[in-house]
């Protein structure tokens, strides 16, 4: 197993409860994004924090010696995350609804 896949699996295993909860929210968001955006953002921030911590663990030692390799490793790690959670990049989207006022031309 490649290093980034190993770290991804360890991340999921060590944070199983958080990822199980996020899986439910992610699935609801995938089916109906607009009403679930706020909850998705809240739960997503927690998951992004975990993912970024593990990305840092994965790439930390590599950056000292092979910075280009560390960048590619991070990209592959995020590809693995996106395979599992395709809507992960939608965390933090702010949806503002607005109304247009009618102009009376009389």
N, C-alpha and C. Protein backbone atom coordinates (compact mmCIF):
# COMPACT_ATOMS: atom_id res chain seq x y z
N UNK A 1 0.86 -1.18 0.00
CA UNK A 1 0.00 0.00 0.00
C UNK A 1 0.90 1.24 0.00
N UNK A 2 0.52 2.22 -0.82
CA UNK A 2 1.31 3.44 -0.88
C UNK A 2 1.15 4.25 0.41
N UNK A 3 2.11 5.13 0.62
CA UNK A 3 2.15 5.89 1.87
C UNK A 3 0.91 6.76 2.05
N UNK A 4 0.47 7.44 1.00
CA UNK A 4 -0.67 8.34 1.13
C UNK A 4 -1.95 7.55 1.41
N UNK A 5 -2.09 6.37 0.82
CA UNK A 5 -3.27 5.54 1.10
C UNK A 5 -3.24 5.02 2.52
N UNK A 6 -2.04 4.67 2.98
CA UNK A 6 -1.89 4.20 4.36
C UNK A 6 -2.29 5.30 5.34
N UNK A 7 -1.83 6.52 5.11
CA UNK A 7 -2.19 7.64 5.97
C UNK A 7 -3.68 7.93 5.91
N UNK A 8 -4.25 7.82 4.74
CA UNK A 8 -5.69 8.04 4.59
C UNK A 8 -6.46 7.02 5.42
N UNK A 9 -6.08 5.75 5.34
CA UNK A 9 -6.76 4.71 6.09
C UNK A 9 -6.60 4.92 7.60
N UNK A 10 -5.40 5.27 8.02
CA UNK A 10 -5.16 5.52 9.44
C UNK A 10 -5.97 6.72 9.92
N UNK A 11 -6.08 7.75 9.11
CA UNK A 11 -6.87 8.94 9.46
C UNK A 11 -8.32 8.54 9.69
N UNK A 12 -8.88 7.76 8.77
CA UNK A 12 -10.27 7.32 8.89
C UNK A 12 -10.45 6.45 10.14
N UNK A 13 -9.55 5.51 10.34
CA UNK A 13 -9.67 4.60 11.47
C UNK A 13 -9.57 5.32 12.82
N UNK A 14 -8.66 6.26 12.92
CA UNK A 14 -8.45 6.95 14.19
C UNK A 14 -9.50 8.02 14.48
N UNK A 15 -10.28 8.37 13.49
CA UNK A 15 -11.34 9.38 13.65
C UNK A 15 -12.66 8.83 13.13
N UNK A 16 -12.91 7.57 13.40
CA UNK A 16 -14.05 6.86 12.83
C UNK A 16 -15.38 7.55 13.12
N UNK A 17 -15.60 7.97 14.37
CA UNK A 17 -16.87 8.61 14.73
C UNK A 17 -17.11 9.89 13.94
N UNK A 18 -16.07 10.72 13.85
CA UNK A 18 -16.20 11.99 13.12
C UNK A 18 -16.49 11.74 11.65
N UNK A 19 -15.81 10.77 11.06
CA UNK A 19 -16.01 10.49 9.63
C UNK A 19 -17.35 9.81 9.37
N UNK A 20 -17.83 9.01 10.32
CA UNK A 20 -19.16 8.40 10.17
C UNK A 20 -20.24 9.49 10.17
N UNK A 21 -20.11 10.42 11.09
CA UNK A 21 -21.07 11.53 11.17
C UNK A 21 -21.00 12.37 9.89
N UNK A 22 -19.77 12.65 9.43
CA UNK A 22 -19.61 13.45 8.23
C UNK A 22 -20.15 12.72 7.01
N UNK A 23 -20.01 11.40 6.96
CA UNK A 23 -20.53 10.61 5.83
C UNK A 23 -22.03 10.84 5.68
N UNK A 24 -22.75 10.83 6.83
CA UNK A 24 -24.20 11.06 6.81
C UNK A 24 -24.52 12.45 6.28
N UNK A 25 -23.82 13.44 6.82
CA UNK A 25 -24.05 14.83 6.39
C UNK A 25 -23.67 15.00 4.92
N UNK A 26 -22.58 14.38 4.50
CA UNK A 26 -22.13 14.46 3.11
C UNK A 26 -23.17 13.86 2.17
N UNK A 27 -23.72 12.73 2.54
CA UNK A 27 -24.75 12.09 1.70
C UNK A 27 -26.00 12.95 1.60
N UNK A 28 -26.42 13.54 2.72
CA UNK A 28 -27.59 14.43 2.70
C UNK A 28 -27.32 15.64 1.81
N UNK A 29 -26.12 16.19 1.94
CA UNK A 29 -25.75 17.36 1.13
C UNK A 29 -25.72 17.01 -0.36
N UNK A 30 -25.22 15.84 -0.67
CA UNK A 30 -25.14 15.42 -2.07
C UNK A 30 -26.52 15.34 -2.69
N UNK A 31 -27.49 14.85 -1.92
CA UNK A 31 -28.85 14.71 -2.44
C UNK A 31 -29.61 16.03 -2.50
N UNK A 32 -29.35 16.92 -1.56
CA UNK A 32 -30.09 18.17 -1.49
C UNK A 32 -29.20 19.28 -0.92
N UNK A 33 -28.39 19.91 -1.74
CA UNK A 33 -27.37 20.84 -1.25
C UNK A 33 -27.89 22.10 -0.55
N UNK A 34 -28.86 22.78 -1.12
CA UNK A 34 -29.25 24.09 -0.59
C UNK A 34 -29.67 24.08 0.88
N UNK A 35 -30.64 23.25 1.27
CA UNK A 35 -31.05 23.30 2.68
C UNK A 35 -30.02 22.71 3.65
N UNK A 36 -29.07 21.95 3.14
CA UNK A 36 -28.09 21.30 4.00
C UNK A 36 -26.73 22.00 4.03
N UNK A 37 -26.61 23.12 3.33
CA UNK A 37 -25.31 23.78 3.22
C UNK A 37 -24.75 24.23 4.57
N UNK A 38 -25.58 24.81 5.41
CA UNK A 38 -25.09 25.32 6.69
C UNK A 38 -24.56 24.18 7.58
N UNK A 39 -25.32 23.12 7.70
CA UNK A 39 -24.87 21.97 8.50
C UNK A 39 -23.63 21.33 7.88
N UNK A 40 -23.59 21.27 6.57
CA UNK A 40 -22.43 20.71 5.86
C UNK A 40 -21.18 21.53 6.15
N UNK A 41 -21.32 22.84 6.18
CA UNK A 41 -20.18 23.71 6.48
C UNK A 41 -19.68 23.49 7.91
N UNK A 42 -20.60 23.36 8.84
CA UNK A 42 -20.23 23.18 10.25
C UNK A 42 -19.48 21.87 10.45
N UNK A 43 -20.05 20.78 9.96
CA UNK A 43 -19.40 19.47 10.11
C UNK A 43 -18.15 19.37 9.24
N UNK A 44 -18.19 20.03 8.10
CA UNK A 44 -17.06 19.99 7.18
C UNK A 44 -15.82 20.67 7.74
N UNK A 45 -16.00 21.74 8.50
CA UNK A 45 -14.85 22.41 9.11
C UNK A 45 -14.10 21.48 10.04
N UNK A 46 -14.83 20.68 10.79
CA UNK A 46 -14.21 19.72 11.70
C UNK A 46 -13.41 18.68 10.92
N UNK A 47 -13.99 18.20 9.84
CA UNK A 47 -13.33 17.17 9.03
C UNK A 47 -12.11 17.75 8.30
N UNK A 48 -12.24 18.97 7.78
CA UNK A 48 -11.10 19.59 7.11
C UNK A 48 -9.92 19.75 8.05
N UNK A 49 -10.21 20.07 9.29
CA UNK A 49 -9.13 20.21 10.28
C UNK A 49 -8.39 18.88 10.44
N UNK A 50 -9.14 17.80 10.56
CA UNK A 50 -8.53 16.47 10.69
C UNK A 50 -7.73 16.12 9.44
N UNK A 51 -8.31 16.36 8.27
CA UNK A 51 -7.64 16.03 7.00
C UNK A 51 -6.34 16.82 6.87
N UNK A 52 -6.37 18.09 7.20
CA UNK A 52 -5.17 18.92 7.07
C UNK A 52 -4.08 18.51 8.06
N UNK A 53 -4.49 18.06 9.25
CA UNK A 53 -3.51 17.55 10.21
C UNK A 53 -2.80 16.32 9.65
N UNK A 54 -3.57 15.42 9.04
CA UNK A 54 -2.99 14.20 8.49
C UNK A 54 -2.17 14.49 7.23
N UNK A 55 -2.59 15.44 6.46
CA UNK A 55 -1.79 15.85 5.30
C UNK A 55 -0.45 16.38 5.77
N UNK A 56 -0.48 17.15 6.83
CA UNK A 56 0.75 17.70 7.39
C UNK A 56 1.67 16.58 7.90
N UNK A 57 1.09 15.61 8.59
CA UNK A 57 1.88 14.46 9.06
C UNK A 57 2.53 13.73 7.90
N UNK A 58 1.77 13.56 6.85
CA UNK A 58 2.24 12.83 5.68
C UNK A 58 3.40 13.56 4.99
N UNK A 59 3.27 14.85 4.85
CA UNK A 59 4.22 15.62 4.05
C UNK A 59 5.35 16.27 4.86
N UNK A 60 5.21 16.29 6.15
CA UNK A 60 6.15 17.03 7.00
C UNK A 60 7.60 16.61 6.78
N UNK A 61 7.89 15.34 6.84
CA UNK A 61 9.26 14.88 6.70
C UNK A 61 9.77 15.03 5.27
N UNK A 62 8.88 14.88 4.30
CA UNK A 62 9.28 14.97 2.91
C UNK A 62 9.68 16.38 2.51
N UNK A 63 9.02 17.38 3.10
CA UNK A 63 9.31 18.77 2.72
C UNK A 63 10.73 19.17 3.07
N UNK A 64 11.30 18.55 4.07
CA UNK A 64 12.66 18.89 4.48
C UNK A 64 13.68 18.46 3.44
N UNK A 65 13.38 17.38 2.74
CA UNK A 65 14.35 16.86 1.78
C UNK A 65 13.91 16.97 0.32
N UNK A 66 12.66 16.64 0.06
CA UNK A 66 12.17 16.62 -1.33
C UNK A 66 10.87 17.40 -1.42
N UNK A 67 10.95 18.69 -1.59
CA UNK A 67 9.74 19.52 -1.57
C UNK A 67 8.81 19.21 -2.74
N UNK A 68 9.34 18.90 -3.90
CA UNK A 68 8.48 18.57 -5.04
C UNK A 68 7.72 17.27 -4.78
N UNK A 69 8.39 16.32 -4.19
CA UNK A 69 7.75 15.04 -3.87
C UNK A 69 6.64 15.24 -2.85
N UNK A 70 6.86 16.11 -1.87
CA UNK A 70 5.86 16.38 -0.84
C UNK A 70 4.61 16.98 -1.46
N UNK A 71 4.76 17.88 -2.42
CA UNK A 71 3.61 18.48 -3.09
C UNK A 71 2.80 17.45 -3.85
N UNK A 72 3.48 16.56 -4.55
CA UNK A 72 2.78 15.51 -5.29
C UNK A 72 2.10 14.53 -4.34
N UNK A 73 2.75 14.27 -3.22
CA UNK A 73 2.18 13.38 -2.22
C UNK A 73 0.90 13.97 -1.65
N UNK A 74 0.92 15.27 -1.39
CA UNK A 74 -0.27 15.96 -0.89
C UNK A 74 -1.40 15.90 -1.91
N UNK A 75 -1.08 16.09 -3.18
CA UNK A 75 -2.10 16.02 -4.23
C UNK A 75 -2.73 14.63 -4.29
N UNK A 76 -1.92 13.60 -4.18
CA UNK A 76 -2.45 12.23 -4.22
C UNK A 76 -3.31 11.94 -2.99
N UNK A 77 -2.89 12.46 -1.84
CA UNK A 77 -3.67 12.30 -0.62
C UNK A 77 -5.04 12.93 -0.79
N UNK A 78 -5.09 14.15 -1.34
CA UNK A 78 -6.37 14.83 -1.56
C UNK A 78 -7.20 14.14 -2.63
N UNK A 79 -6.58 13.54 -3.62
CA UNK A 79 -7.33 12.76 -4.61
C UNK A 79 -8.05 11.60 -3.92
N UNK A 80 -7.36 10.98 -2.97
CA UNK A 80 -7.95 9.87 -2.22
C UNK A 80 -9.14 10.37 -1.39
N UNK A 81 -8.99 11.54 -0.78
CA UNK A 81 -10.08 12.14 -0.01
C UNK A 81 -11.26 12.41 -0.93
N UNK A 82 -10.99 12.97 -2.10
CA UNK A 82 -12.07 13.31 -3.04
C UNK A 82 -12.76 12.07 -3.62
N UNK A 83 -12.06 10.97 -3.71
CA UNK A 83 -12.70 9.72 -4.15
C UNK A 83 -13.77 9.31 -3.14
N UNK A 84 -13.43 9.44 -1.88
CA UNK A 84 -14.34 9.03 -0.81
C UNK A 84 -15.44 10.06 -0.57
N UNK A 85 -15.07 11.34 -0.67
CA UNK A 85 -16.00 12.45 -0.40
C UNK A 85 -15.94 13.44 -1.56
N UNK A 86 -16.67 13.18 -2.65
CA UNK A 86 -16.55 14.02 -3.85
C UNK A 86 -16.99 15.47 -3.65
N UNK A 87 -17.79 15.75 -2.64
CA UNK A 87 -18.27 17.12 -2.42
C UNK A 87 -17.44 17.87 -1.38
N UNK A 88 -16.27 17.36 -1.05
CA UNK A 88 -15.44 17.94 0.01
C UNK A 88 -15.05 19.39 -0.30
N UNK A 89 -14.92 19.73 -1.56
CA UNK A 89 -14.53 21.09 -1.94
C UNK A 89 -15.67 22.09 -1.79
N UNK A 90 -16.85 21.62 -1.47
CA UNK A 90 -18.01 22.51 -1.31
C UNK A 90 -18.15 23.01 0.13
N UNK A 91 -17.26 22.58 0.99
CA UNK A 91 -17.30 23.04 2.38
C UNK A 91 -16.94 24.52 2.41
N UNK A 92 -17.74 25.30 3.10
CA UNK A 92 -17.47 26.72 3.24
C UNK A 92 -18.20 27.61 2.24
N UNK A 93 -18.94 27.01 1.34
CA UNK A 93 -19.70 27.81 0.37
C UNK A 93 -20.79 28.55 1.12
N UNK A 94 -20.88 29.82 0.86
CA UNK A 94 -21.92 30.64 1.48
C UNK A 94 -22.97 30.94 0.42
N UNK A 95 -24.19 30.54 0.72
CA UNK A 95 -25.29 30.76 -0.22
C UNK A 95 -26.16 31.88 0.33
N UNK A 96 -26.17 32.97 -0.38
CA UNK A 96 -27.02 34.09 0.02
C UNK A 96 -28.17 34.17 -0.97
N UNK A 97 -29.34 34.21 -0.41
CA UNK A 97 -30.52 34.36 -1.26
C UNK A 97 -30.89 35.83 -1.29
N UNK A 98 -31.29 36.27 -2.44
CA UNK A 98 -31.67 37.67 -2.56
C UNK A 98 -32.94 37.78 -3.38
N UNK A 99 -33.63 38.86 -3.16
CA UNK A 99 -34.86 39.13 -3.90
C UNK A 99 -34.64 40.35 -4.77
N UNK A 100 -35.15 40.30 -5.96
CA UNK A 100 -35.10 41.44 -6.85
C UNK A 100 -36.37 42.26 -6.67
N UNK A 101 -36.20 43.54 -6.55
CA UNK A 101 -37.36 44.41 -6.40
C UNK A 101 -37.91 44.71 -7.80
N UNK A 102 -39.20 44.71 -7.89
CA UNK A 102 -39.84 45.04 -9.16
C UNK A 102 -39.84 46.55 -9.33
N UNK A 103 -39.55 46.95 -10.54
CA UNK A 103 -39.56 48.37 -10.87
C UNK A 103 -40.87 48.68 -11.56
N UNK A 104 -41.58 49.65 -11.03
CA UNK A 104 -42.83 50.06 -11.62
C UNK A 104 -42.53 51.19 -12.63
N UNK A 105 -42.82 50.91 -13.88
CA UNK A 105 -42.50 51.87 -14.92
C UNK A 105 -43.67 52.82 -15.25
N UNK A 106 -44.71 52.80 -14.49
CA UNK A 106 -45.85 53.69 -14.75
C UNK A 106 -45.60 55.07 -14.22
